[in-house]
């Protein structure tokens, strides 16, 4: 069985003037439900305020939780922060933390949301409100549950917020493989960045991933991988710029699993990016990613 963390709050009503596909997480849940006993469901607790404030500025945390985010920050996020969006933003980091604990026990677990890697200290950005990857990584290391956690970001967009928020923090290392010319225009500096040219396809992508991630893991010897499993490197993604096929995405998950298994590393996955007009098709890509990775990890 694949442990999956989900909370009803992940499915928030779409705010006005939002281009984000808010139904995606509900569709992911429904598709996973159809897998029956293959999925073991878990529900997270809301993220404590002090956990959020360990990564984000307290003033920004207060703005979000009060649904009083200034318009300029809402524009940077990409949608208004309503009370429902604020509630969702508090549960998602709790879900990534819960998935990490489950992965430590089972080898692999997934959050059915998360991967909000663009959120910065004092603002959200790029459809990201709070940075669940940074929150979970900081909490896991501060609690001593792991000596080192690696955030491995395979979303088509660079994990700029995660890199910025965890820079200099002991026990956290960051890796990002992404389209060089895609959002954000101003990149942060991960511990290892692997920029790719527009149109990069399956063979080159997988070769670059293995050639860079394997030595990165060997150098830093983490105890856990937090995996941002965005499916937006897919050739048909609206915000992509890379050209992976469905089979290429499958091979990406098998490669990450193989690199983790041979080193005895548990993997906690987050959904990350996937964009287009057909929300159901996007949700199918995310679910396929979870199932392929879970199977490859032996679950």
Protein backbone atom coordinates (compact mmCIF):
# COMPACT_ATOMS: atom_id res chain seq x y z
CA UNK A 1 0.00 0.00 0.00
CA UNK A 2 1.16 3.52 -0.81
CA UNK A 3 0.73 5.98 2.09
CA UNK A 4 -0.94 9.16 0.82
CA UNK A 5 -1.63 12.24 2.92
CA UNK A 6 -4.77 14.21 2.08
CA UNK A 7 -7.06 16.68 3.82
CA UNK A 8 -10.43 18.05 2.64
CA UNK A 9 -9.02 21.55 3.07
CA UNK A 10 -6.73 20.90 0.09
CA UNK A 11 -9.81 21.33 -2.12
CA UNK A 12 -10.51 25.03 -1.71
CA UNK A 13 -13.08 26.95 -3.76
CA UNK A 14 -11.49 28.85 -6.61
CA UNK A 15 -10.97 32.51 -5.71
CA UNK A 16 -12.13 35.12 -8.17
CA UNK A 17 -9.68 36.10 -10.92
CA UNK A 18 -7.60 32.94 -10.50
CA UNK A 19 -6.04 31.08 -13.44
CA UNK A 20 -4.87 28.22 -11.19
CA UNK A 21 -6.84 24.98 -11.66
CA UNK A 22 -8.26 24.66 -8.15
CA UNK A 23 -10.04 21.39 -8.89
CA UNK A 24 -6.76 19.53 -9.44
CA UNK A 25 -6.28 18.30 -5.87
CA UNK A 26 -9.85 17.05 -5.60
CA UNK A 27 -9.45 15.15 -8.86
CA UNK A 28 -6.18 13.64 -7.63
CA UNK A 29 -8.01 12.45 -4.52
CA UNK A 30 -10.85 10.94 -6.54
CA UNK A 31 -8.50 9.15 -8.93
CA UNK A 32 -6.53 7.71 -6.03
CA UNK A 33 -9.75 6.58 -4.36
CA UNK A 34 -10.44 4.49 -7.45
CA UNK A 35 -7.20 2.59 -6.72
CA UNK A 36 -8.94 1.07 -3.68
CA UNK A 37 -6.75 -0.83 -1.24
CA UNK A 38 -3.58 0.15 -3.07
CA UNK A 39 -3.72 3.48 -1.17
CA UNK A 40 -3.42 3.92 2.61
CA UNK A 41 -4.96 7.29 3.50
CA UNK A 42 -3.63 9.62 6.19
CA UNK A 43 -4.88 13.04 7.31
CA UNK A 44 -2.48 15.76 8.44
CA UNK A 45 -2.74 18.21 11.30
CA UNK A 46 -2.73 21.94 10.53
CA UNK A 47 0.77 23.31 10.55
CA UNK A 48 1.51 25.11 13.83
CA UNK A 49 2.05 28.83 13.43
CA UNK A 50 5.53 28.62 14.95
CA UNK A 51 6.58 26.12 12.28
CA UNK A 52 5.52 28.58 9.58
CA UNK A 53 7.30 31.43 11.37
CA UNK A 54 10.52 29.39 11.49
CA UNK A 55 10.68 29.82 7.70
CA UNK A 56 8.47 32.81 6.81
CA UNK A 57 8.35 36.30 8.30
CA UNK A 58 5.78 36.38 11.13
CA UNK A 59 4.11 39.44 9.59
CA UNK A 60 3.50 37.56 6.33
CA UNK A 61 2.24 34.49 8.19
CA UNK A 62 -0.23 36.71 10.04
CA UNK A 63 -1.39 38.31 6.78
CA UNK A 64 -2.12 34.91 5.24
CA UNK A 65 -3.88 33.41 8.26
CA UNK A 66 -6.08 36.49 8.56
CA UNK A 67 -6.78 36.41 4.80
CA UNK A 68 -5.45 39.97 4.71
CA UNK A 69 -2.64 39.65 2.16
CA UNK A 70 -1.94 42.99 0.42
CA UNK A 71 -2.98 43.17 -3.24
CA UNK A 72 0.62 43.44 -4.47
CA UNK A 73 1.48 40.15 -2.80
CA UNK A 74 -1.72 38.52 -4.07
CA UNK A 75 -0.73 39.51 -7.59
CA UNK A 76 2.65 37.89 -7.07
CA UNK A 77 0.98 34.74 -5.73
CA UNK A 78 -1.45 34.68 -8.64
CA UNK A 79 -4.77 34.62 -6.79
CA UNK A 80 -6.55 36.26 -3.84
CA UNK A 81 -5.93 34.70 -0.43
CA UNK A 82 -9.42 34.00 0.87
CA UNK A 83 -10.19 32.35 4.22
CA UNK A 84 -10.43 28.98 2.43
CA UNK A 85 -7.11 29.51 0.67
CA UNK A 86 -5.52 30.48 4.01
CA UNK A 87 -6.84 27.30 5.63
CA UNK A 88 -5.49 25.22 2.77
CA UNK A 89 -2.11 26.97 3.04
CA UNK A 90 -1.87 25.91 6.68
CA UNK A 91 -2.74 22.26 6.09
CA UNK A 92 -0.47 21.63 3.09
CA UNK A 93 2.85 22.04 4.98
CA UNK A 94 1.46 19.79 7.69
CA UNK A 95 0.77 17.26 4.96
CA UNK A 96 4.30 17.37 3.60
CA UNK A 97 5.70 16.93 7.11
CA UNK A 98 3.33 13.99 7.69
CA UNK A 99 4.37 12.41 4.38
CA UNK A 100 8.01 12.70 5.44
CA UNK A 101 7.33 10.86 8.70
CA UNK A 102 5.44 8.14 6.81
CA UNK A 103 8.28 7.83 4.31
CA UNK A 104 10.74 7.28 7.16
CA UNK A 105 8.56 4.36 8.27
CA UNK A 106 7.51 2.91 4.90
CA UNK A 107 10.18 3.98 2.42
CA UNK A 108 7.82 6.13 0.35
CA UNK A 109 4.81 8.34 0.97
CA UNK A 110 3.15 11.17 -0.93
CA UNK A 111 1.31 14.35 -0.08
CA UNK A 112 -1.61 14.86 -2.48
CA UNK A 113 -0.75 18.59 -2.57
CA UNK A 114 2.36 20.63 -1.85
CA UNK A 115 5.59 21.36 -3.64
CA UNK A 116 5.05 25.12 -3.20
CA UNK A 117 8.64 25.95 -4.00
CA UNK A 118 8.32 29.60 -5.07
CA UNK A 119 7.08 31.01 -1.73
CA UNK A 120 9.65 33.33 -0.13
CA UNK A 121 10.14 34.68 3.37
CA UNK A 122 7.78 37.65 3.18
CA UNK A 123 5.54 36.78 0.24
CA UNK A 124 4.14 33.98 -1.82
CA UNK A 125 4.77 33.72 -5.55
CA UNK A 126 3.91 31.60 -8.57
CA UNK A 127 0.74 29.97 -7.11
CA UNK A 128 2.62 29.22 -3.85
CA UNK A 129 1.55 30.68 -0.48
CA UNK A 130 3.71 28.94 2.14
CA UNK A 131 6.76 26.87 1.22
CA UNK A 132 5.84 23.42 2.53
CA UNK A 133 9.15 21.90 1.43
CA UNK A 134 11.18 24.39 3.46
CA UNK A 135 8.82 24.19 6.44
CA UNK A 136 9.02 20.39 6.53
CA UNK A 137 12.79 20.30 5.99
CA UNK A 138 13.44 22.77 8.79
CA UNK A 139 11.12 20.96 11.18
CA UNK A 140 12.59 17.53 10.45
CA UNK A 141 16.13 18.71 11.08
CA UNK A 142 15.27 20.79 14.15
CA UNK A 143 13.51 17.81 15.71
CA UNK A 144 16.50 15.61 14.95
CA UNK A 145 14.43 13.13 12.98
CA UNK A 146 17.06 13.27 10.22
CA UNK A 147 20.62 14.48 10.17
CA UNK A 148 20.30 15.72 6.60
CA UNK A 149 17.36 16.12 4.23
CA UNK A 150 17.73 16.62 0.48
CA UNK A 151 15.07 18.60 -1.37
CA UNK A 152 15.14 17.16 -4.89
CA UNK A 153 13.11 19.42 -7.19
CA UNK A 154 12.19 18.05 -10.62
CA UNK A 155 9.51 20.63 -11.38
CA UNK A 156 10.05 22.45 -14.69
CA UNK A 157 10.50 25.70 -12.71
CA UNK A 158 13.48 26.30 -10.46
CA UNK A 159 12.87 25.83 -6.73
CA UNK A 160 13.93 29.40 -5.98
CA UNK A 161 11.97 29.89 -2.78
CA UNK A 162 13.14 26.63 -1.26
CA UNK A 163 16.77 27.45 -2.11
CA UNK A 164 16.48 30.93 -0.61
CA UNK A 165 14.66 29.88 2.55
CA UNK A 166 17.00 27.00 3.39
CA UNK A 167 20.33 28.56 2.37
CA UNK A 168 22.84 28.25 5.19
CA UNK A 169 20.60 26.06 7.34
CA UNK A 170 22.49 23.01 8.59
CA UNK A 171 21.27 19.63 7.45
CA UNK A 172 19.31 20.82 4.38
CA UNK A 173 20.62 20.47 0.82
CA UNK A 174 18.79 21.53 -2.34
CA UNK A 175 18.86 20.22 -5.92
CA UNK A 176 16.84 21.64 -8.83
CA UNK A 177 16.65 20.45 -12.45
CA UNK A 178 14.54 22.84 -14.53
CA UNK A 179 14.04 24.73 -17.77
CA UNK A 180 16.66 27.47 -17.78
CA UNK A 181 14.51 30.12 -19.49
CA UNK A 182 11.33 29.45 -17.54
CA UNK A 183 9.88 31.18 -14.45
CA UNK A 184 11.29 32.65 -12.26
CA UNK A 185 13.23 35.10 -14.37
CA UNK A 186 15.61 35.75 -11.48
CA UNK A 187 16.86 32.40 -10.19
CA UNK A 188 18.06 31.70 -6.67
CA UNK A 189 21.06 29.48 -6.04
CA UNK A 190 20.35 25.90 -5.05
CA UNK A 191 23.25 23.82 -3.79
CA UNK A 192 23.07 22.24 -7.24
CA UNK A 193 21.14 23.70 -10.17
CA UNK A 194 20.81 21.82 -13.46
CA UNK A 195 19.39 24.23 -16.09
CA UNK A 196 18.06 22.68 -19.29
CA UNK A 197 17.49 24.15 -22.73
CA UNK A 198 13.98 24.59 -24.12
CA UNK A 199 12.68 21.44 -25.77
CA UNK A 200 14.89 19.02 -23.84
CA UNK A 201 13.42 15.54 -24.33
CA UNK A 202 13.42 12.19 -22.56
CA UNK A 203 16.90 10.89 -23.31
CA UNK A 204 18.84 14.05 -22.54
CA UNK A 205 16.72 14.84 -19.47
CA UNK A 206 17.17 11.40 -17.92
CA UNK A 207 20.89 11.37 -18.68
CA UNK A 208 21.40 14.78 -17.05
CA UNK A 209 19.27 13.82 -14.06
CA UNK A 210 21.24 10.66 -13.35
CA UNK A 211 24.63 12.25 -14.04
CA UNK A 212 23.98 15.07 -11.56
CA UNK A 213 21.67 13.67 -8.89
CA UNK A 214 23.65 10.51 -8.17
CA UNK A 215 26.88 12.34 -7.21
CA UNK A 216 24.85 14.98 -5.35
CA UNK A 217 23.34 12.29 -3.13
CA UNK A 218 26.71 10.61 -2.67
CA UNK A 219 28.35 13.89 -1.68
CA UNK A 220 25.74 15.00 0.86
CA UNK A 221 24.56 11.58 2.13
CA UNK A 222 21.04 12.66 3.17
CA UNK A 223 18.75 10.56 5.34
CA UNK A 224 15.59 11.50 3.42
CA UNK A 225 14.56 12.94 0.06
CA UNK A 226 11.76 15.50 -0.10
CA UNK A 227 10.78 15.13 -3.74
CA UNK A 228 9.06 17.90 -5.69
CA UNK A 229 7.51 15.71 -8.39
CA UNK A 230 6.05 18.36 -10.69
CA UNK A 231 4.72 16.88 -13.93
CA UNK A 232 5.14 20.13 -15.87
CA UNK A 233 8.26 18.95 -17.76
CA UNK A 234 5.66 17.12 -19.90
CA UNK A 235 5.72 18.24 -23.53
CA UNK A 236 2.08 19.35 -23.51
CA UNK A 237 2.20 21.39 -20.31
CA UNK A 238 0.92 24.96 -20.65
CA UNK A 239 3.77 26.42 -18.56
CA UNK A 240 6.47 23.91 -19.43
CA UNK A 241 9.14 24.50 -22.13
CA UNK A 242 10.58 20.98 -21.84
CA UNK A 243 9.44 18.00 -23.94
CA UNK A 244 9.17 14.88 -21.80
CA UNK A 245 6.71 12.21 -22.90
CA UNK A 246 4.45 10.33 -20.49
CA UNK A 247 6.91 7.46 -20.68
CA UNK A 248 9.75 9.89 -19.96
CA UNK A 249 8.01 11.06 -16.80
CA UNK A 250 7.55 7.41 -15.78
CA UNK A 251 11.26 6.80 -16.30
CA UNK A 252 12.06 9.88 -14.24
CA UNK A 253 10.18 8.40 -11.29
CA UNK A 254 11.85 5.02 -11.72
CA UNK A 255 15.25 6.70 -11.85
CA UNK A 256 14.63 8.71 -8.67
CA UNK A 257 13.43 5.51 -6.98
CA UNK A 258 16.48 3.54 -8.11
CA UNK A 259 18.90 6.22 -6.93
CA UNK A 260 17.09 6.33 -3.58
CA UNK A 261 16.80 2.57 -3.08
CA UNK A 262 20.44 1.79 -3.77
CA UNK A 263 21.36 4.33 -1.07
CA UNK A 264 18.68 3.26 1.39
CA UNK A 265 16.92 6.63 1.20
CA UNK A 266 13.20 7.09 1.91
CA UNK A 267 11.32 9.44 -0.41
CA UNK A 268 8.45 11.80 0.50
CA UNK A 269 6.75 13.17 -2.61
CA UNK A 270 4.79 16.35 -3.21
CA UNK A 271 2.57 17.13 -6.20
CA UNK A 272 4.26 20.24 -7.62
CA UNK A 273 3.34 21.81 -10.93
CA UNK A 274 1.16 20.66 -13.78
CA UNK A 275 -0.78 23.13 -15.92
CA UNK A 276 -3.30 23.13 -18.73
CA UNK A 277 -6.95 23.52 -19.61
CA UNK A 278 -7.91 19.90 -18.85
CA UNK A 279 -7.69 19.56 -15.06
CA UNK A 280 -8.56 15.85 -15.18
CA UNK A 281 -5.71 15.08 -17.55
CA UNK A 282 -3.29 16.99 -15.31
CA UNK A 283 -4.57 15.10 -12.26
CA UNK A 284 -4.02 11.81 -14.12
CA UNK A 285 -0.37 12.76 -14.69
CA UNK A 286 0.12 13.47 -10.99
CA UNK A 287 -1.53 10.21 -9.94
CA UNK A 288 0.51 8.25 -12.45
CA UNK A 289 3.65 9.84 -10.99
CA UNK A 290 2.69 8.70 -7.46
CA UNK A 291 1.76 5.19 -8.54
CA UNK A 292 4.86 4.63 -10.68
CA UNK A 293 7.11 5.93 -7.93
CA UNK A 294 5.35 3.90 -5.27
CA UNK A 295 5.66 0.73 -7.31
CA UNK A 296 9.31 1.45 -8.06
CA UNK A 297 9.95 1.94 -4.33
CA UNK A 298 8.50 -1.51 -3.70
CA UNK A 299 5.05 -0.59 -2.38
